[in-house]
Amino acid sequence: MLIRHATMNDLTAIATVEAACFPAAEAAGADALRNRLAVYPDCFWLMIDDGRNGDVIPADAANATDVTDCGSADAADRTHDGRLVAFINGFVTDSPDLTDAMYDDAGLHEPDGAWQMIFGVDTAPAYRHHGYASTLMRRVIDDARAAGRAGLVLTCKDRLIGFYARFGYQDEGVSESTHGNVVWHQMRLCF
């Protein structure tokens, strides 16, 4: 497995996985994802199936150009040749709480901000229950720490509180978010 940041060429694969992971009311559409990629591609962490038997290789240790374009039309039908396995996306801000406005307004991204917001943790259905999201989350946490962030913030449904708590996130209670007409808990990991 290869972990790297996204490019605009990844848009089709990202949108496909996003649509498979969330109900329509919660999923980011292709236009929102395109806007995010245009402003903060470095806040998209992609895990790519490169056929290396589950070994995770950081992007700086492998030539990302050797990875098959995830945005190609038939990428979803292939295995072990560049298929998008999972991704995490969000942006950086000085605002301490994740708000619904952040999902759609890429202009709110503050590259030098204190908090890494997490908008989504997505794993393609064929790759679920193998620990890939956990591996990717650990990478995002490590990168946020290395960048000098204060920590990370995300919202999740009640059933996922325990999953995120394993990484050190603390449940701050029910969020003010009404995204997708769902009840969300805000969780924060402080460094």
Protein backbone atom coordinates (compact mmCIF):
# COMPACT_ATOMS: atom_id res chain seq x y z
CA MET A 1 0.00 0.00 0.00
CA LEU A 2 1.13 3.49 -0.83
CA ILE A 3 0.05 6.60 1.10
CA ARG A 4 0.22 9.88 -0.76
CA HIS A 5 -1.58 13.19 -1.12
CA ALA A 6 -4.20 13.72 -3.79
CA THR A 7 -4.09 15.47 -7.12
CA MET A 8 -6.97 16.61 -9.29
CA ASN A 9 -6.47 13.40 -11.32
CA ASP A 10 -7.79 11.50 -8.29
CA LEU A 11 -11.16 13.28 -8.30
CA THR A 12 -13.19 10.53 -10.01
CA ALA A 13 -11.89 7.80 -7.71
CA ILE A 14 -12.36 9.97 -4.60
CA ALA A 15 -15.93 10.87 -5.58
CA THR A 16 -16.73 7.21 -6.29
CA VAL A 17 -15.46 6.02 -2.91
CA GLU A 18 -17.17 8.93 -1.12
CA ALA A 19 -20.51 8.02 -2.72
CA ALA A 20 -20.06 4.38 -1.66
CA CYS A 21 -19.27 5.34 1.94
CA PHE A 22 -21.94 7.89 2.83
CA PRO A 23 -25.65 8.38 2.16
CA ALA A 24 -26.34 11.05 -0.45
CA ALA A 25 -27.32 13.65 2.18
CA GLU A 26 -23.92 13.25 3.89
CA ALA A 27 -21.56 12.59 0.97
CA ALA A 28 -19.54 15.36 -0.58
CA GLY A 29 -20.40 15.68 -4.25
CA ALA A 30 -17.90 15.89 -7.09
CA ASP A 31 -18.11 19.70 -7.20
CA ALA A 32 -17.36 20.06 -3.47
CA LEU A 33 -14.50 17.57 -3.74
CA ARG A 34 -13.12 19.38 -6.79
CA ASN A 35 -13.18 22.68 -4.85
CA ARG A 36 -11.40 21.05 -1.91
CA LEU A 37 -8.74 19.49 -4.15
CA ALA A 38 -8.12 22.82 -5.87
CA VAL A 39 -7.39 24.55 -2.55
CA TYR A 40 -5.90 21.92 -0.23
CA PRO A 41 -4.81 18.70 -1.97
CA ASP A 42 -2.24 18.22 0.79
CA CYS A 43 -5.14 17.69 3.22
CA PHE A 44 -6.22 14.57 1.33
CA TRP A 45 -4.37 11.42 2.36
CA LEU A 46 -4.91 8.55 -0.07
CA MET A 47 -4.09 4.90 0.46
CA ILE A 48 -3.44 3.23 -2.88
CA ASP A 49 -3.36 -0.54 -3.47
CA ASP A 50 -0.04 -1.00 -5.19
CA GLY A 51 0.16 -4.79 -4.73
CA ARG A 52 2.73 -4.73 -1.95
CA ASN A 53 0.86 -7.23 0.27
CA GLY A 54 -0.37 -4.72 2.80
CA ASP A 55 2.99 -3.05 3.44
CA VAL A 56 2.48 0.69 3.73
CA ILE A 57 4.99 2.77 1.84
CA PRO A 58 5.08 6.52 2.40
CA ALA A 59 4.87 8.64 -0.73
CA ASP A 60 8.34 10.04 -0.19
CA ALA A 61 9.79 6.51 -0.39
CA ALA A 62 8.07 5.65 -3.68
CA ASN A 63 7.65 7.47 -6.92
CA ALA A 64 4.00 8.51 -7.02
CA THR A 65 4.15 8.60 -10.80
CA ASP A 66 4.56 4.82 -10.71
CA VAL A 67 1.04 4.53 -9.33
CA THR A 68 -1.73 4.05 -11.87
CA ASP A 69 -3.98 7.09 -12.20
CA CYS A 70 -6.81 6.59 -9.72
CA GLY A 71 -9.02 8.87 -11.75
CA SER A 72 -9.14 6.68 -14.82
CA ALA A 73 -12.54 5.30 -15.74
CA ASP A 74 -11.72 1.65 -15.10
CA ALA A 75 -9.78 2.19 -11.85
CA ALA A 76 -12.69 0.96 -9.75
CA ASP A 77 -12.63 -2.42 -11.54
CA ARG A 78 -8.94 -3.20 -10.99
CA THR A 79 -7.07 -4.51 -7.98
CA HIS A 80 -3.41 -4.17 -7.00
CA ASP A 81 -2.64 -1.62 -9.67
CA GLY A 82 -3.42 1.76 -8.22
CA ARG A 83 -6.93 1.40 -6.87
CA LEU A 84 -7.98 3.87 -4.19
CA VAL A 85 -8.37 1.83 -0.99
CA ALA A 86 -9.17 4.59 1.50
CA PHE A 87 -8.80 8.30 2.02
CA ILE A 88 -9.08 10.92 4.72
CA ASN A 89 -9.76 14.55 3.93
CA GLY A 90 -10.28 17.81 5.75
CA PHE A 91 -8.61 21.17 6.05
CA VAL A 92 -6.68 23.31 8.48
CA THR A 93 -8.08 26.24 10.43
CA ASP A 94 -7.63 28.26 13.58
CA SER A 95 -11.30 27.73 14.43
CA PRO A 96 -11.48 25.17 17.24
CA ASP A 97 -14.78 23.56 16.21
CA LEU A 98 -15.86 21.84 13.01
CA THR A 99 -18.82 23.67 11.47
CA ASP A 100 -21.13 22.71 8.62
CA ALA A 101 -19.91 25.73 6.60
CA MET A 102 -16.43 24.19 6.46
CA TYR A 103 -17.59 21.27 4.32
CA ASP A 104 -18.56 23.49 1.40
CA ASP A 105 -16.35 26.57 1.70
CA ALA A 106 -12.78 25.67 0.78
CA GLY A 107 -11.91 29.35 1.26
CA LEU A 108 -12.06 28.81 5.03
CA HIS A 109 -8.86 26.75 4.83
CA GLU A 110 -5.99 28.41 6.74
CA PRO A 111 -2.76 26.60 5.78
CA ASP A 112 -0.98 27.71 8.96
CA GLY A 113 -3.97 27.05 11.23
CA ALA A 114 -3.84 25.24 14.55
CA TRP A 115 -6.42 22.51 13.94
CA GLN A 116 -6.52 19.77 11.33
CA MET A 117 -10.20 19.21 10.65
CA ILE A 118 -11.28 15.80 9.36
CA PHE A 119 -14.31 15.84 7.06
CA GLY A 120 -14.35 12.19 6.12
CA VAL A 121 -12.68 8.85 6.67
CA ASP A 122 -13.62 6.68 3.68
CA THR A 123 -12.73 3.08 2.88
CA ALA A 124 -13.82 1.45 -0.38
CA PRO A 125 -16.27 -1.37 0.42
CA ALA A 126 -14.00 -4.12 -0.96
CA TYR A 127 -11.23 -3.07 1.45
CA ARG A 128 -13.15 -2.67 4.71
CA HIS A 129 -12.27 -4.49 7.94
CA HIS A 130 -8.55 -4.85 7.18
CA GLY A 131 -7.27 -1.95 9.32
CA TYR A 132 -6.60 0.38 6.40
CA ALA A 133 -8.58 3.31 7.86
CA SER A 134 -6.67 2.89 11.13
CA THR A 135 -3.32 2.90 9.34
CA LEU A 136 -4.31 6.00 7.40
CA MET A 137 -5.59 7.77 10.54
CA ARG A 138 -2.30 7.13 12.32
CA ARG A 139 -0.50 8.70 9.35
CA VAL A 140 -2.77 11.77 9.41
CA ILE A 141 -2.18 12.16 13.15
CA ASP A 142 1.58 11.85 12.70
CA ASP A 143 1.56 14.40 9.88
CA ALA A 144 -0.55 16.88 11.89
CA ARG A 145 1.80 16.51 14.85
CA ALA A 146 4.86 17.00 12.62
CA ALA A 147 3.25 20.13 11.12
CA GLY A 148 2.96 21.64 14.61
CA ARG A 149 -0.83 21.56 14.79
CA ALA A 150 -2.61 21.79 18.16
CA GLY A 151 -4.49 18.63 17.22
CA LEU A 152 -7.30 17.23 15.10
CA VAL A 153 -11.08 17.59 15.20
CA LEU A 154 -13.75 15.44 13.58
CA THR A 155 -17.40 14.65 13.95
CA CYS A 156 -18.81 11.14 13.93
CA LYS A 157 -21.92 9.16 14.60
CA ASP A 158 -22.42 7.63 18.03
CA ARG A 159 -21.45 4.13 16.84
CA LEU A 160 -17.94 5.34 15.84
CA ILE A 161 -16.98 7.10 19.08
CA GLY A 162 -15.09 4.02 20.31
CA PHE A 163 -13.20 3.68 17.04
CA TYR A 164 -11.84 7.23 17.22
CA ALA A 165 -11.22 7.01 20.97
CA ARG A 166 -8.61 4.30 20.23
CA PHE A 167 -6.47 7.00 18.62
CA GLY A 168 -6.83 9.35 21.58
CA TYR A 169 -9.76 11.43 20.39
CA GLN A 170 -12.00 12.66 23.22
CA ASP A 171 -15.77 12.91 22.78
CA GLU A 172 -16.87 16.49 23.40
CA GLY A 173 -20.55 15.63 23.14
CA VAL A 174 -23.17 16.28 20.51
CA SER A 175 -22.01 18.74 17.88
CA GLU A 176 -24.07 21.68 16.63
CA SER A 177 -23.70 20.18 13.15
CA THR A 178 -26.87 19.26 11.31
CA HIS A 179 -24.98 17.95 8.26
CA GLY A 180 -27.15 15.38 6.50
CA ASN A 181 -29.81 15.72 9.24
CA VAL A 182 -27.77 13.39 11.47
CA VAL A 183 -26.68 13.65 15.10
CA TRP A 184 -22.89 14.05 15.23
CA HIS A 185 -20.45 13.95 18.11
CA GLN A 186 -17.47 16.26 17.98
CA MET A 187 -14.21 14.55 18.86
CA ARG A 188 -10.86 16.19 19.48
CA LEU A 189 -7.31 14.90 19.70
CA CYS A 190 -4.95 17.39 21.34
CA PHE A 191 -1.17 17.19 21.15
